[in-house]
Amino acid sequence: MAQRKNRKSGKFTKSTRRRSKPKTNLTNIAVSALVANSITTGMFNSNLYDFATGQRDGKWVAGADGSSRLTLPELLGVGKGPIGGNFYQTSLSEVLMKNFKANWTQIAMGVIFIPVAANVITKVIRKPVILPANRMLKSIGLKDVKV
């Protein structure tokens, strides 16, 4: 940056650049949700929503169903049955290792290829879609959000 002469003291100082507040990037939020979904699907055999809520197909499942499907309420001991009812015969680490061995390719592809695909798609559609969408968001008053 160029140095500027201070009017009062006559000394040369570096000008400071003002930074704008970082914007909430909707694309990054979507990529993070998809990666988290692929990890929970691979490790716990339930999608992100079902893992967080303890539901299966919209119905509350209280755990202890004997499968390798785990949910967060089940791990925390909410509901009927023993804590983490799915792994009452074995340990949690054994169930997680079994799920990981069965689904490691799905987890790896989700963690690696989803962000790469999002970057490629973002670069391809930047001018025809993303720039007008960001301008529209700015014009309606959402200045801290971008696509």
C-alpha atoms as a PDB file:
ATOM      1  CA  MET A   1       0.000   0.000   0.000  1.00  0.00           C
ATOM      2  CA  ALA A   2       1.168   3.474  -0.695  1.00  0.00           C
ATOM      3  CA  GLN A   3       2.291   5.696   2.115  1.00  0.00           C
ATOM      4  CA  ARG A   4       0.526   8.958   2.638  1.00  0.00           C
ATOM      5  CA  LYS A   5       1.702  12.098   4.315  1.00  0.00           C
ATOM      6  CA  ASN A   6      -0.178  13.035   7.441  1.00  0.00           C
ATOM      7  CA  ARG A   7      -1.420  16.613   7.176  1.00  0.00           C
ATOM      8  CA  LYS A   8      -0.988  17.494  10.846  1.00  0.00           C
ATOM      9  CA  SER A   9       2.388  15.965  11.686  1.00  0.00           C
ATOM     10  CA  GLY A  10       3.931  15.818   8.213  1.00  0.00           C
ATOM     11  CA  LYS A  11       4.992  12.174   8.750  1.00  0.00           C
ATOM     12  CA  PHE A  12       4.435   9.390   6.262  1.00  0.00           C
ATOM     13  CA  THR A  13       2.000   6.731   7.440  1.00  0.00           C
ATOM     14  CA  LYS A  14       0.512   3.634   5.869  1.00  0.00           C
ATOM     15  CA  SER A  15      -3.150   3.989   5.099  1.00  0.00           C
ATOM     16  CA  THR A  16      -5.324   1.396   6.736  1.00  0.00           C
ATOM     17  CA  ARG A  17      -7.858  -0.485   4.728  1.00  0.00           C
ATOM     18  CA  ARG A  18     -11.339  -0.921   6.119  1.00  0.00           C
ATOM     19  CA  ARG A  19     -12.640  -4.441   6.030  1.00  0.00           C
ATOM     20  CA  SER A  20     -16.270  -5.211   5.470  1.00  0.00           C
ATOM     21  CA  LYS A  21     -18.098  -7.594   7.743  1.00  0.00           C
ATOM     22  CA  PRO A  22     -17.911 -11.178   6.386  1.00  0.00           C
ATOM     23  CA  LYS A  23     -21.078 -12.296   4.625  1.00  0.00           C
ATOM     24  CA  THR A  24     -22.984 -15.503   5.330  1.00  0.00           C
ATOM     25  CA  ASN A  25     -22.314 -17.786   2.387  1.00  0.00           C
ATOM     26  CA  LEU A  26     -25.308 -20.022   1.661  1.00  0.00           C
ATOM     27  CA  THR A  27     -23.237 -22.279  -0.607  1.00  0.00           C
ATOM     28  CA  ASN A  28     -20.772 -23.061   2.191  1.00  0.00           C
ATOM     29  CA  ILE A  29     -23.632 -23.821   4.584  1.00  0.00           C
ATOM     30  CA  ALA A  30     -25.175 -26.244   2.064  1.00  0.00           C
ATOM     31  CA  VAL A  31     -21.827 -27.972   1.428  1.00  0.00           C
ATOM     32  CA  SER A  32     -21.244 -28.358   5.180  1.00  0.00           C
ATOM     33  CA  ALA A  33     -24.718 -29.865   5.646  1.00  0.00           C
ATOM     34  CA  LEU A  34     -24.182 -32.338   2.794  1.00  0.00           C
ATOM     35  CA  VAL A  35     -20.792 -33.425   4.146  1.00  0.00           C
ATOM     36  CA  ALA A  36     -22.236 -33.840   7.655  1.00  0.00           C
ATOM     37  CA  ASN A  37     -25.105 -35.862   6.191  1.00  0.00           C
ATOM     38  CA  SER A  38     -22.712 -38.211   4.386  1.00  0.00           C
ATOM     39  CA  ILE A  39     -20.711 -38.720   7.591  1.00  0.00           C
ATOM     40  CA  THR A  40     -23.771 -39.466   9.744  1.00  0.00           C
ATOM     41  CA  THR A  41     -25.169 -41.760   7.066  1.00  0.00           C
ATOM     42  CA  GLY A  42     -21.911 -43.685   6.928  1.00  0.00           C
ATOM     43  CA  MET A  43     -21.100 -43.852  10.637  1.00  0.00           C
ATOM     44  CA  PHE A  44     -24.556 -44.036  12.207  1.00  0.00           C
ATOM     45  CA  ASN A  45     -26.735 -45.412   9.344  1.00  0.00           C
ATOM     46  CA  SER A  46     -29.155 -42.494   9.639  1.00  0.00           C
ATOM     47  CA  ASN A  47     -29.328 -39.205   7.785  1.00  0.00           C
ATOM     48  CA  LEU A  48     -28.519 -35.941   9.547  1.00  0.00           C
ATOM     49  CA  TYR A  49     -32.119 -35.040  10.424  1.00  0.00           C
ATOM     50  CA  ASP A  50     -32.967 -38.516  11.715  1.00  0.00           C
ATOM     51  CA  PHE A  51     -29.690 -38.663  13.654  1.00  0.00           C
ATOM     52  CA  ALA A  52     -30.384 -35.354  15.401  1.00  0.00           C
ATOM     53  CA  THR A  53     -34.076 -35.968  16.149  1.00  0.00           C
ATOM     54  CA  GLY A  54     -34.183 -39.727  16.740  1.00  0.00           C
ATOM     55  CA  GLN A  55     -36.909 -40.223  14.152  1.00  0.00           C
ATOM     56  CA  ARG A  56     -37.164 -42.804  11.401  1.00  0.00           C
ATOM     57  CA  ASP A  57     -39.372 -41.896   8.442  1.00  0.00           C
ATOM     58  CA  GLY A  58     -41.061 -39.167  10.477  1.00  0.00           C
ATOM     59  CA  LYS A  59     -41.875 -41.389  13.471  1.00  0.00           C
ATOM     60  CA  TRP A  60     -40.115 -41.321  16.857  1.00  0.00           C
ATOM     61  CA  VAL A  61     -38.035 -44.458  17.374  1.00  0.00           C
ATOM     62  CA  ALA A  62     -37.080 -45.056  20.984  1.00  0.00           C
ATOM     63  CA  GLY A  63     -33.941 -47.086  20.256  1.00  0.00           C
ATOM     64  CA  ALA A  64     -33.008 -50.601  21.322  1.00  0.00           C
ATOM     65  CA  ASP A  65     -34.084 -51.961  17.957  1.00  0.00           C
ATOM     66  CA  GLY A  66     -31.040 -54.223  17.663  1.00  0.00           C
ATOM     67  CA  SER A  67     -29.739 -52.693  14.436  1.00  0.00           C
ATOM     68  CA  SER A  68     -26.557 -50.773  13.724  1.00  0.00           C
ATOM     69  CA  ARG A  69     -28.556 -47.547  13.244  1.00  0.00           C
ATOM     70  CA  LEU A  70     -27.755 -45.004  15.941  1.00  0.00           C
ATOM     71  CA  THR A  71     -29.290 -41.633  16.786  1.00  0.00           C
ATOM     72  CA  LEU A  72     -28.205 -38.826  19.073  1.00  0.00           C
ATOM     73  CA  PRO A  73     -31.121 -39.165  21.542  1.00  0.00           C
ATOM     74  CA  GLU A  74     -30.363 -42.872  21.719  1.00  0.00           C
ATOM     75  CA  LEU A  75     -26.705 -42.199  22.479  1.00  0.00           C
ATOM     76  CA  LEU A  76     -27.706 -39.689  25.154  1.00  0.00           C
ATOM     77  CA  GLY A  77     -30.138 -42.151  26.742  1.00  0.00           C
ATOM     78  CA  VAL A  78     -33.366 -40.314  25.895  1.00  0.00           C
ATOM     79  CA  GLY A  79     -36.321 -42.658  25.426  1.00  0.00           C
ATOM     80  CA  LYS A  80     -36.905 -46.284  26.282  1.00  0.00           C
ATOM     81  CA  GLY A  81     -34.288 -48.968  26.440  1.00  0.00           C
ATOM     82  CA  PRO A  82     -30.688 -48.929  27.528  1.00  0.00           C
ATOM     83  CA  ILE A  83     -28.349 -46.085  26.623  1.00  0.00           C
ATOM     84  CA  GLY A  84     -27.496 -46.618  22.994  1.00  0.00           C
ATOM     85  CA  GLY A  85     -29.912 -49.507  22.697  1.00  0.00           C
ATOM     86  CA  ASN A  86     -28.573 -50.576  19.304  1.00  0.00           C
ATOM     87  CA  PHE A  87     -25.265 -51.702  20.732  1.00  0.00           C
ATOM     88  CA  TYR A  88     -26.374 -53.292  23.986  1.00  0.00           C
ATOM     89  CA  GLN A  89     -24.750 -56.602  22.995  1.00  0.00           C
ATOM     90  CA  THR A  90     -21.503 -55.012  21.849  1.00  0.00           C
ATOM     91  CA  SER A  91     -19.746 -51.715  22.493  1.00  0.00           C
ATOM     92  CA  LEU A  92     -20.340 -48.417  20.750  1.00  0.00           C
ATOM     93  CA  SER A  93     -16.891 -48.523  19.178  1.00  0.00           C
ATOM     94  CA  GLU A  94     -17.602 -51.950  17.644  1.00  0.00           C
ATOM     95  CA  VAL A  95     -20.853 -50.739  16.067  1.00  0.00           C
ATOM     96  CA  LEU A  96     -19.177 -47.593  14.746  1.00  0.00           C
ATOM     97  CA  MET A  97     -16.268 -49.622  13.340  1.00  0.00           C
ATOM     98  CA  LYS A  98     -18.698 -52.043  11.686  1.00  0.00           C
ATOM     99  CA  ASN A  99     -20.589 -49.137  10.103  1.00  0.00           C
ATOM    100  CA  PHE A 100     -17.348 -47.457   9.032  1.00  0.00           C
ATOM    101  CA  LYS A 101     -16.003 -50.617   7.387  1.00  0.00           C
ATOM    102  CA  ALA A 102     -19.280 -51.091   5.516  1.00  0.00           C
ATOM    103  CA  ASN A 103     -19.572 -47.445   4.395  1.00  0.00           C
ATOM    104  CA  TRP A 104     -16.042 -45.995   4.228  1.00  0.00           C
ATOM    105  CA  THR A 105     -16.205 -45.421   0.454  1.00  0.00           C
ATOM    106  CA  GLN A 106     -19.432 -43.456   0.798  1.00  0.00           C
ATOM    107  CA  ILE A 107     -17.934 -41.334   3.583  1.00  0.00           C
ATOM    108  CA  ALA A 108     -14.718 -40.668   1.634  1.00  0.00           C
ATOM    109  CA  MET A 109     -16.582 -39.750  -1.536  1.00  0.00           C
ATOM    110  CA  GLY A 110     -18.884 -37.422   0.388  1.00  0.00           C
ATOM    111  CA  VAL A 111     -16.073 -35.672   2.229  1.00  0.00           C
ATOM    112  CA  ILE A 112     -13.856 -35.306  -0.857  1.00  0.00           C
ATOM    113  CA  PHE A 113     -16.157 -34.946  -3.848  1.00  0.00           C
ATOM    114  CA  ILE A 114     -18.966 -32.781  -2.457  1.00  0.00           C
ATOM    115  CA  PRO A 115     -16.708 -29.731  -1.801  1.00  0.00           C
ATOM    116  CA  VAL A 116     -14.867 -30.247  -5.113  1.00  0.00           C
ATOM    117  CA  ALA A 117     -18.145 -30.476  -7.031  1.00  0.00           C
ATOM    118  CA  ALA A 118     -19.486 -27.389  -5.245  1.00  0.00           C
ATOM    119  CA  ASN A 119     -16.389 -25.382  -6.206  1.00  0.00           C
ATOM    120  CA  VAL A 120     -16.597 -26.464  -9.852  1.00  0.00           C
ATOM    121  CA  ILE A 121     -20.320 -25.774 -10.075  1.00  0.00           C
ATOM    122  CA  THR A 122     -19.886 -22.393  -8.369  1.00  0.00           C
ATOM    123  CA  LYS A 123     -17.228 -21.360 -10.891  1.00  0.00           C
ATOM    124  CA  VAL A 124     -19.313 -22.536 -13.847  1.00  0.00           C
ATOM    125  CA  ILE A 125     -22.533 -20.769 -12.855  1.00  0.00           C
ATOM    126  CA  ARG A 126     -20.980 -17.684 -11.244  1.00  0.00           C
ATOM    127  CA  LYS A 127     -21.783 -15.150 -13.970  1.00  0.00           C
ATOM    128  CA  PRO A 128     -25.163 -16.342 -15.236  1.00  0.00           C
ATOM    129  CA  VAL A 129     -26.706 -17.214 -11.852  1.00  0.00           C
ATOM    130  CA  ILE A 130     -24.722 -16.276  -8.737  1.00  0.00           C
ATOM    131  CA  LEU A 131     -23.837 -12.642  -9.478  1.00  0.00           C
ATOM    132  CA  PRO A 132     -27.451 -11.655 -10.327  1.00  0.00           C
ATOM    133  CA  ALA A 133     -28.694 -13.573  -7.267  1.00  0.00           C
ATOM    134  CA  ASN A 134     -26.255 -11.723  -4.992  1.00  0.00           C
ATOM    135  CA  ARG A 135     -27.326  -8.398  -6.501  1.00  0.00           C
ATOM    136  CA  MET A 136     -30.963  -9.291  -5.911  1.00  0.00           C
ATOM    137  CA  LEU A 137     -30.256 -10.249  -2.268  1.00  0.00           C
ATOM    138  CA  LYS A 138     -28.454  -6.942  -1.780  1.00  0.00           C
ATOM    139  CA  SER A 139     -31.290  -4.953  -3.353  1.00  0.00           C
ATOM    140  CA  ILE A 140     -33.956  -6.493  -1.116  1.00  0.00           C
ATOM    141  CA  GLY A 141     -31.944  -5.635   1.991  1.00  0.00           C
ATOM    142  CA  LEU A 142     -30.039  -8.844   2.801  1.00  0.00           C
ATOM    143  CA  LYS A 143     -26.577  -7.305   2.613  1.00  0.00           C
ATOM    144  CA  ASP A 144     -24.948  -9.865   4.928  1.00  0.00           C
ATOM    145  CA  VAL A 145     -26.027 -12.903   2.874  1.00  0.00           C
ATOM    146  CA  LYS A 146     -24.581 -14.164  -0.381  1.00  0.00           C
ATOM    147  CA  VAL A 147     -24.908 -17.235  -2.576  1.00  0.00           C
END
